PDB file of all heavy atoms in Angstrom:
ATOM      1  N   THR A   1      -4.807  -1.819  -6.028  1.00  0.00           N
ATOM      2  CA  THR A   1      -4.103  -0.598  -6.494  1.00  0.00           C
ATOM      3  C   THR A   1      -4.849   0.611  -5.911  1.00  0.00           C
ATOM      4  O   THR A   1      -5.769   1.111  -6.543  1.00  0.00           O
ATOM      5  CB  THR A   1      -4.145  -0.530  -8.038  1.00  0.00           C
ATOM      6  OG1 THR A   1      -5.475  -0.731  -8.519  1.00  0.00           O
ATOM      7  CG2 THR A   1      -3.263  -1.622  -8.623  1.00  0.00           C
ATOM      8  N   PRO A   2      -4.519   1.021  -4.714  1.00  0.00           N
ATOM      9  CA  PRO A   2      -5.269   2.026  -4.004  1.00  0.00           C
ATOM     10  C   PRO A   2      -5.114   3.414  -4.664  1.00  0.00           C
ATOM     11  O   PRO A   2      -4.180   4.166  -4.436  1.00  0.00           O
ATOM     12  CB  PRO A   2      -4.693   2.032  -2.590  1.00  0.00           C
ATOM     13  CG  PRO A   2      -3.304   1.415  -2.753  1.00  0.00           C
ATOM     14  CD  PRO A   2      -3.411   0.498  -3.943  1.00  0.00           C
ATOM     15  N   LEU A   3      -6.057   3.752  -5.506  1.00  0.00           N
ATOM     16  CA  LEU A   3      -6.040   4.957  -6.325  1.00  0.00           C
ATOM     17  C   LEU A   3      -6.020   6.208  -5.449  1.00  0.00           C
ATOM     18  O   LEU A   3      -6.858   6.381  -4.541  1.00  0.00           O
ATOM     19  CB  LEU A   3      -7.277   4.976  -7.227  1.00  0.00           C
ATOM     20  CG  LEU A   3      -7.417   6.067  -8.240  1.00  0.00           C
ATOM     21  CD1 LEU A   3      -6.315   6.002  -9.278  1.00  0.00           C
ATOM     22  CD2 LEU A   3      -8.784   5.988  -8.942  1.00  0.00           C
ATOM     23  N   ASN A   4      -5.036   7.065  -5.710  1.00  0.00           N
ATOM     24  CA  ASN A   4      -4.886   8.357  -5.018  1.00  0.00           C
ATOM     25  C   ASN A   4      -4.550   8.219  -3.524  1.00  0.00           C
ATOM     26  O   ASN A   4      -4.744   9.182  -2.772  1.00  0.00           O
ATOM     27  CB  ASN A   4      -6.141   9.226  -5.203  1.00  0.00           C
ATOM     28  CG  ASN A   4      -6.337   9.673  -6.664  1.00  0.00           C
ATOM     29  OD1 ASN A   4      -5.487  10.329  -7.223  1.00  0.00           O
ATOM     30  ND2 ASN A   4      -7.452   9.245  -7.261  1.00  0.00           N
ATOM     31  N   CYS A   5      -4.084   7.110  -3.132  1.00  0.00           N
ATOM     32  CA  CYS A   5      -3.648   6.882  -1.719  1.00  0.00           C
ATOM     33  C   CYS A   5      -2.193   6.971  -1.549  1.00  0.00           C
ATOM     34  O   CYS A   5      -1.670   7.021  -0.427  1.00  0.00           O
ATOM     35  CB  CYS A   5      -4.166   5.567  -1.192  1.00  0.00           C
ATOM     36  SG  CYS A   5      -5.940   5.305  -1.196  1.00  0.00           S
ATOM     37  N   GLY A   6      -1.422   6.920  -2.650  1.00  0.00           N
ATOM     38  CA  GLY A   6       0.037   6.858  -2.583  1.00  0.00           C
ATOM     39  C   GLY A   6       0.707   7.835  -1.688  1.00  0.00           C
ATOM     40  O   GLY A   6       1.493   7.456  -0.802  1.00  0.00           O
ATOM     41  N   PRO A   7       0.445   9.146  -1.922  1.00  0.00           N
ATOM     42  CA  PRO A   7       1.136  10.129  -1.098  1.00  0.00           C
ATOM     43  C   PRO A   7       0.890   9.955   0.443  1.00  0.00           C
ATOM     44  O   PRO A   7       1.798  10.069   1.245  1.00  0.00           O
ATOM     45  CB  PRO A   7       0.591  11.461  -1.610  1.00  0.00           C
ATOM     46  CG  PRO A   7       0.214  11.162  -3.044  1.00  0.00           C
ATOM     47  CD  PRO A   7      -0.319   9.783  -2.985  1.00  0.00           C
ATOM     48  N   GLN A   8      -0.377   9.699   0.812  1.00  0.00           N
ATOM     49  CA  GLN A   8      -0.694   9.544   2.223  1.00  0.00           C
ATOM     50  C   GLN A   8      -0.014   8.287   2.838  1.00  0.00           C
ATOM     51  O   GLN A   8       0.519   8.344   3.924  1.00  0.00           O
ATOM     52  CB  GLN A   8      -2.224   9.453   2.425  1.00  0.00           C
ATOM     53  CG  GLN A   8      -2.994  10.709   2.039  1.00  0.00           C
ATOM     54  CD  GLN A   8      -4.460  10.507   2.287  1.00  0.00           C
ATOM     55  OE1 GLN A   8      -4.929  10.463   3.426  1.00  0.00           O
ATOM     56  NE2 GLN A   8      -5.213  10.397   1.225  1.00  0.00           N
ATOM     57  N   LEU A   9      -0.040   7.219   2.060  1.00  0.00           N
ATOM     58  CA  LEU A   9       0.551   5.978   2.587  1.00  0.00           C
ATOM     59  C   LEU A   9       2.067   6.099   2.622  1.00  0.00           C
ATOM     60  O   LEU A   9       2.714   5.540   3.518  1.00  0.00           O
ATOM     61  CB  LEU A   9       0.109   4.813   1.694  1.00  0.00           C
ATOM     62  CG  LEU A   9      -1.378   4.465   1.744  1.00  0.00           C
ATOM     63  CD1 LEU A   9      -1.674   3.315   0.797  1.00  0.00           C
ATOM     64  CD2 LEU A   9      -1.780   4.084   3.184  1.00  0.00           C
ATOM     65  N   ARG A  10       2.616   6.857   1.689  1.00  0.00           N
ATOM     66  CA  ARG A  10       4.075   7.044   1.694  1.00  0.00           C
ATOM     67  C   ARG A  10       4.487   7.825   2.932  1.00  0.00           C
ATOM     68  O   ARG A  10       5.512   7.487   3.579  1.00  0.00           O
ATOM     69  CB  ARG A  10       4.498   7.832   0.432  1.00  0.00           C
ATOM     70  CG  ARG A  10       6.021   7.913   0.236  1.00  0.00           C
ATOM     71  CD  ARG A  10       6.352   8.380  -1.148  1.00  0.00           C
ATOM     72  NE  ARG A  10       5.950   9.709  -1.410  1.00  0.00           N
ATOM     73  CZ  ARG A  10       5.067  10.079  -2.353  1.00  0.00           C
ATOM     74  NH1 ARG A  10       4.466   9.147  -3.067  1.00  0.00           N
ATOM     75  NH2 ARG A  10       4.746  11.348  -2.563  1.00  0.00           N
ATOM     76  N   VAL A  11       3.698   8.854   3.309  1.00  0.00           N
ATOM     77  CA  VAL A  11       4.018   9.586   4.503  1.00  0.00           C
ATOM     78  C   VAL A  11       3.806   8.713   5.769  1.00  0.00           C
ATOM     79  O   VAL A  11       4.671   8.758   6.685  1.00  0.00           O
ATOM     80  CB  VAL A  11       3.102  10.874   4.599  1.00  0.00           C
ATOM     81  CG1 VAL A  11       3.256  11.551   5.925  1.00  0.00           C
ATOM     82  CG2 VAL A  11       3.491  11.843   3.471  1.00  0.00           C
ATOM     83  N   LEU A  12       2.735   7.970   5.803  1.00  0.00           N
ATOM     84  CA  LEU A  12       2.427   7.141   6.937  1.00  0.00           C
ATOM     85  C   LEU A  12       3.567   6.109   7.183  1.00  0.00           C
ATOM     86  O   LEU A  12       3.993   5.871   8.300  1.00  0.00           O
ATOM     87  CB  LEU A  12       1.119   6.388   6.705  1.00  0.00           C
ATOM     88  CG  LEU A  12       0.708   5.361   7.805  1.00  0.00           C
ATOM     89  CD1 LEU A  12       0.432   6.052   9.108  1.00  0.00           C
ATOM     90  CD2 LEU A  12      -0.487   4.539   7.316  1.00  0.00           C
ATOM     91  N   LEU A  13       4.092   5.561   6.059  1.00  0.00           N
ATOM     92  CA  LEU A  13       5.124   4.517   6.191  1.00  0.00           C
ATOM     93  C   LEU A  13       6.545   5.126   6.169  1.00  0.00           C
ATOM     94  O   LEU A  13       7.514   4.362   6.112  1.00  0.00           O
ATOM     95  CB  LEU A  13       4.935   3.497   5.026  1.00  0.00           C
ATOM     96  CG  LEU A  13       3.614   2.758   5.053  1.00  0.00           C
ATOM     97  CD1 LEU A  13       3.442   1.901   3.831  1.00  0.00           C
ATOM     98  CD2 LEU A  13       3.413   1.946   6.338  1.00  0.00           C
ATOM     99  N   GLN A  14       6.593   6.424   6.147  1.00  0.00           N
ATOM    100  CA  GLN A  14       7.899   7.160   6.199  1.00  0.00           C
ATOM    101  C   GLN A  14       8.823   6.743   5.066  1.00  0.00           C
ATOM    102  O   GLN A  14       9.998   6.521   5.235  1.00  0.00           O
ATOM    103  CB  GLN A  14       8.556   6.892   7.594  1.00  0.00           C
ATOM    104  CG  GLN A  14       7.750   7.354   8.717  1.00  0.00           C
ATOM    105  CD  GLN A  14       8.374   7.118  10.089  1.00  0.00           C
ATOM    106  OE1 GLN A  14       9.597   6.810  10.165  1.00  0.00           O
ATOM    107  NE2 GLN A  14       7.680   7.285  11.138  1.00  0.00           N
ATOM    108  N   ARG A  15       8.251   6.675   3.855  1.00  0.00           N
ATOM    109  CA  ARG A  15       9.040   6.383   2.725  1.00  0.00           C
ATOM    110  C   ARG A  15       9.488   7.686   2.020  1.00  0.00           C
ATOM    111  O   ARG A  15       8.797   8.710   2.102  1.00  0.00           O
ATOM    112  CB  ARG A  15       8.265   5.511   1.656  1.00  0.00           C
ATOM    113  CG  ARG A  15       7.713   4.190   2.207  1.00  0.00           C
ATOM    114  CD  ARG A  15       8.788   3.420   2.940  1.00  0.00           C
ATOM    115  NE  ARG A  15       9.967   3.211   2.159  1.00  0.00           N
ATOM    116  CZ  ARG A  15      11.180   2.930   2.640  1.00  0.00           C
ATOM    117  NH1 ARG A  15      11.330   2.807   3.958  1.00  0.00           N
ATOM    118  NH2 ARG A  15      12.213   2.765   1.858  1.00  0.00           N
ATOM    119  N   PRO A  16      10.673   7.700   1.361  1.00  0.00           N
ATOM    120  CA  PRO A  16      11.161   8.895   0.758  1.00  0.00           C
ATOM    121  C   PRO A  16      10.380   9.286  -0.473  1.00  0.00           C
ATOM    122  O   PRO A  16       9.584   8.513  -1.038  1.00  0.00           O
ATOM    123  CB  PRO A  16      12.601   8.534   0.363  1.00  0.00           C
ATOM    124  CG  PRO A  16      12.594   6.997   0.257  1.00  0.00           C
ATOM    125  CD  PRO A  16      11.596   6.547   1.249  1.00  0.00           C
ATOM    126  N   ALA A  17      10.580  10.553  -0.950  1.00  0.00           N
ATOM    127  CA  ALA A  17       9.797  11.093  -2.012  1.00  0.00           C
ATOM    128  C   ALA A  17      10.050  10.411  -3.353  1.00  0.00           C
ATOM    129  O   ALA A  17       9.252  10.517  -4.259  1.00  0.00           O
ATOM    130  CB  ALA A  17      10.063  12.601  -2.162  1.00  0.00           C
ATOM    131  N   ASN A  18      11.146   9.709  -3.521  1.00  0.00           N
ATOM    132  CA  ASN A  18      11.455   9.066  -4.776  1.00  0.00           C
ATOM    133  C   ASN A  18      10.717   7.729  -4.914  1.00  0.00           C
ATOM    134  O   ASN A  18      10.825   7.039  -5.946  1.00  0.00           O
ATOM    135  CB  ASN A  18      12.984   8.827  -4.951  1.00  0.00           C
ATOM    136  CG  ASN A  18      13.502   7.831  -3.892  1.00  0.00           C
ATOM    137  OD1 ASN A  18      13.173   7.900  -2.732  1.00  0.00           O
ATOM    138  ND2 ASN A  18      14.307   6.884  -4.376  1.00  0.00           N
ATOM    139  N   GLU A  19       9.945   7.350  -3.900  1.00  0.00           N
ATOM    140  CA  GLU A  19       9.203   6.076  -3.976  1.00  0.00           C
ATOM    141  C   GLU A  19       7.729   6.360  -4.196  1.00  0.00           C
ATOM    142  O   GLU A  19       7.142   7.200  -3.517  1.00  0.00           O
ATOM    143  CB  GLU A  19       9.417   5.258  -2.674  1.00  0.00           C
ATOM    144  CG  GLU A  19      10.840   4.777  -2.464  1.00  0.00           C
ATOM    145  CD  GLU A  19      11.050   3.871  -1.328  1.00  0.00           C
ATOM    146  OE1 GLU A  19      10.031   3.585  -0.592  1.00  0.00           O
ATOM    147  OE2 GLU A  19      12.160   3.442  -1.069  1.00  0.00           O
ATOM    148  N   LYS A  20       7.160   5.631  -5.158  1.00  0.00           N
ATOM    149  CA  LYS A  20       5.738   5.752  -5.466  1.00  0.00           C
ATOM    150  C   LYS A  20       5.048   4.401  -5.288  1.00  0.00           C
ATOM    151  O   LYS A  20       5.541   3.407  -5.779  1.00  0.00           O
ATOM    152  CB  LYS A  20       5.560   6.228  -6.930  1.00  0.00           C
ATOM    153  CG  LYS A  20       6.350   7.465  -7.301  1.00  0.00           C
ATOM    154  CD  LYS A  20       5.893   8.730  -6.551  1.00  0.00           C
ATOM    155  CE  LYS A  20       6.682   9.953  -7.038  1.00  0.00           C
ATOM    156  NZ  LYS A  20       6.337  11.152  -6.264  1.00  0.00           N
ATOM    157  N   LEU A  21       3.936   4.425  -4.642  1.00  0.00           N
ATOM    158  CA  LEU A  21       3.227   3.145  -4.361  1.00  0.00           C
ATOM    159  C   LEU A  21       2.620   2.553  -5.650  1.00  0.00           C
ATOM    160  O   LEU A  21       1.892   3.279  -6.383  1.00  0.00           O
ATOM    161  CB  LEU A  21       2.098   3.389  -3.343  1.00  0.00           C
ATOM    162  CG  LEU A  21       1.281   2.130  -2.966  1.00  0.00           C
ATOM    163  CD1 LEU A  21       2.141   1.105  -2.310  1.00  0.00           C
ATOM    164  CD2 LEU A  21       0.084   2.556  -2.063  1.00  0.00           C
ATOM    165  N   LEU A  22       2.983   1.320  -5.919  1.00  0.00           N
ATOM    166  CA  LEU A  22       2.487   0.704  -7.162  1.00  0.00           C
ATOM    167  C   LEU A  22       1.378  -0.329  -6.834  1.00  0.00           C
ATOM    168  O   LEU A  22       0.410  -0.433  -7.573  1.00  0.00           O
ATOM    169  CB  LEU A  22       3.637  -0.013  -7.868  1.00  0.00           C
ATOM    170  CG  LEU A  22       3.333  -0.545  -9.282  1.00  0.00           C
ATOM    171  CD1 LEU A  22       3.057   0.596 -10.230  1.00  0.00           C
ATOM    172  CD2 LEU A  22       4.566  -1.341  -9.777  1.00  0.00           C
ATOM    173  N   LEU A  23       1.554  -1.099  -5.760  1.00  0.00           N
ATOM    174  CA  LEU A  23       0.624  -2.192  -5.474  1.00  0.00           C
ATOM    175  C   LEU A  23       0.582  -2.471  -3.988  1.00  0.00           C
ATOM    176  O   LEU A  23       1.574  -2.282  -3.288  1.00  0.00           O
ATOM    177  CB  LEU A  23       1.084  -3.438  -6.208  1.00  0.00           C
ATOM    178  CG  LEU A  23       0.090  -4.535  -6.456  1.00  0.00           C
ATOM    179  CD1 LEU A  23      -1.031  -4.098  -7.395  1.00  0.00           C
ATOM    180  CD2 LEU A  23       0.778  -5.758  -7.083  1.00  0.00           C
ATOM    181  N   LEU A  24      -0.613  -2.827  -3.512  1.00  0.00           N
ATOM    182  CA  LEU A  24      -0.803  -3.226  -2.120  1.00  0.00           C
ATOM    183  C   LEU A  24      -1.370  -4.609  -2.099  1.00  0.00           C
ATOM    184  O   LEU A  24      -2.428  -4.841  -2.698  1.00  0.00           O
ATOM    185  CB  LEU A  24      -1.758  -2.198  -1.450  1.00  0.00           C
ATOM    186  CG  LEU A  24      -1.861  -2.285   0.100  1.00  0.00           C
ATOM    187  CD1 LEU A  24      -2.585  -1.044   0.611  1.00  0.00           C
ATOM    188  CD2 LEU A  24      -2.628  -3.498   0.588  1.00  0.00           C
ATOM    189  N   LEU A  25      -0.726  -5.534  -1.425  1.00  0.00           N
ATOM    190  CA  LEU A  25      -1.149  -6.941  -1.375  1.00  0.00           C
ATOM    191  C   LEU A  25      -1.437  -7.346   0.085  1.00  0.00           C
ATOM    192  O   LEU A  25      -0.505  -7.436   0.866  1.00  0.00           O
ATOM    193  CB  LEU A  25      -0.073  -7.866  -1.958  1.00  0.00           C
ATOM    194  CG  LEU A  25       0.364  -7.646  -3.411  1.00  0.00           C
ATOM    195  CD1 LEU A  25       1.454  -8.622  -3.784  1.00  0.00           C
ATOM    196  CD2 LEU A  25      -0.803  -7.770  -4.365  1.00  0.00           C
ATOM    197  N   PRO A  26      -2.677  -7.615   0.427  1.00  0.00           N
ATOM    198  CA  PRO A  26      -2.965  -8.255   1.701  1.00  0.00           C
ATOM    199  C   PRO A  26      -2.645  -9.752   1.522  1.00  0.00           C
ATOM    200  O   PRO A  26      -3.029 -10.365   0.537  1.00  0.00           O
ATOM    201  CB  PRO A  26      -4.452  -8.048   1.870  1.00  0.00           C
ATOM    202  CG  PRO A  26      -4.970  -7.926   0.513  1.00  0.00           C
ATOM    203  CD  PRO A  26      -3.919  -7.301  -0.349  1.00  0.00           C
ATOM    204  N   VAL A  27      -1.941 -10.311   2.424  1.00  0.00           N
ATOM    205  CA  VAL A  27      -1.441 -11.724   2.301  1.00  0.00           C
ATOM    206  C   VAL A  27      -1.835 -12.562   3.458  1.00  0.00           C
ATOM    207  O   VAL A  27      -1.674 -12.183   4.621  1.00  0.00           O
ATOM    208  CB  VAL A  27       0.103 -11.707   2.126  1.00  0.00           C
ATOM    209  CG1 VAL A  27       0.638 -13.149   2.119  1.00  0.00           C
ATOM    210  CG2 VAL A  27       0.511 -10.969   0.858  1.00  0.00           C
ATOM    211  N   GLY A  28      -2.386 -13.729   3.163  1.00  0.00           N
ATOM    212  CA  GLY A  28      -2.749 -14.679   4.200  1.00  0.00           C
ATOM    213  C   GLY A  28      -3.442 -15.904   3.670  1.00  0.00           C
ATOM    214  O   GLY A  28      -3.388 -16.188   2.467  1.00  0.00           O
ATOM    215  N   TYR A  29      -4.145 -16.633   4.550  1.00  0.00           N
ATOM    216  CA  TYR A  29      -4.932 -17.795   4.155  1.00  0.00           C
ATOM    217  C   TYR A  29      -6.381 -17.333   3.931  1.00  0.00           C
ATOM    218  O   TYR A  29      -6.870 -16.413   4.586  1.00  0.00           O
ATOM    219  CB  TYR A  29      -4.926 -18.862   5.219  1.00  0.00           C
ATOM    220  CG  TYR A  29      -3.543 -19.304   5.664  1.00  0.00           C
ATOM    221  CD1 TYR A  29      -3.039 -18.963   6.872  1.00  0.00           C
ATOM    222  CD2 TYR A  29      -2.780 -20.133   4.827  1.00  0.00           C
ATOM    223  CE1 TYR A  29      -1.733 -19.409   7.260  1.00  0.00           C
ATOM    224  CE2 TYR A  29      -1.526 -20.573   5.187  1.00  0.00           C
ATOM    225  CZ  TYR A  29      -1.006 -20.207   6.418  1.00  0.00           C
ATOM    226  OH  TYR A  29       0.253 -20.622   6.808  1.00  0.00           O
ATOM    227  N   PRO A  30      -7.082 -18.023   3.018  1.00  0.00           N
ATOM    228  CA  PRO A  30      -8.518 -17.630   2.826  1.00  0.00           C
ATOM    229  C   PRO A  30      -9.341 -18.099   4.021  1.00  0.00           C
ATOM    230  O   PRO A  30      -9.008 -19.121   4.682  1.00  0.00           O
ATOM    231  CB  PRO A  30      -8.883 -18.423   1.559  1.00  0.00           C
ATOM    232  CG  PRO A  30      -7.946 -19.510   1.467  1.00  0.00           C
ATOM    233  CD  PRO A  30      -6.660 -19.037   2.086  1.00  0.00           C
ATOM    234  N   LYS A  31     -10.417 -17.315   4.338  1.00  0.00           N
ATOM    235  CA  LYS A  31     -11.342 -17.726   5.338  1.00  0.00           C
ATOM    236  C   LYS A  31     -12.034 -19.062   4.901  1.00  0.00           C
ATOM    237  O   LYS A  31     -12.136 -19.340   3.726  1.00  0.00           O
ATOM    238  CB  LYS A  31     -12.402 -16.660   5.565  1.00  0.00           C
ATOM    239  CG  LYS A  31     -11.882 -15.421   6.299  1.00  0.00           C
ATOM    240  CD  LYS A  31     -13.010 -14.444   6.540  1.00  0.00           C
ATOM    241  CE  LYS A  31     -12.566 -13.236   7.388  1.00  0.00           C
ATOM    242  NZ  LYS A  31     -13.686 -12.304   7.648  1.00  0.00           N
ATOM    243  N   LYS A  32     -12.523 -19.769   5.855  1.00  0.00           N
ATOM    244  CA  LYS A  32     -13.178 -21.056   5.568  1.00  0.00           C
ATOM    245  C   LYS A  32     -14.432 -20.842   4.673  1.00  0.00           C
ATOM    246  O   LYS A  32     -14.782 -21.717   3.867  1.00  0.00           O
ATOM    247  CB  LYS A  32     -13.533 -21.770   6.831  1.00  0.00           C
ATOM    248  CG  LYS A  32     -12.321 -22.281   7.618  1.00  0.00           C
ATOM    249  CD  LYS A  32     -12.708 -23.034   8.868  1.00  0.00           C
ATOM    250  CE  LYS A  32     -11.479 -23.515   9.595  1.00  0.00           C
ATOM    251  NZ  LYS A  32     -11.835 -24.267  10.857  1.00  0.00           N
ATOM    252  N   ASP A  33     -15.095 -19.724   4.818  1.00  0.00           N
ATOM    253  CA  ASP A  33     -16.285 -19.470   4.059  1.00  0.00           C
ATOM    254  C   ASP A  33     -15.995 -18.461   2.869  1.00  0.00           C
ATOM    255  O   ASP A  33     -16.942 -17.819   2.365  1.00  0.00           O
ATOM    256  CB  ASP A  33     -17.397 -18.903   4.937  1.00  0.00           C
ATOM    257  CG  ASP A  33     -17.001 -17.592   5.661  1.00  0.00           C
ATOM    258  OD1 ASP A  33     -15.808 -17.256   5.597  1.00  0.00           O
ATOM    259  OD2 ASP A  33     -17.882 -16.962   6.244  1.00  0.00           O
TER     260      ASP A  33
END
């Protein structure tokens, strides 16, 4: 939950003003270690 990053990420991803970032999930396989 990237605190206080919502507005910047919204602009970066070109999302409209009615959208607010709620959650960010990095997705993949775990490293072997």
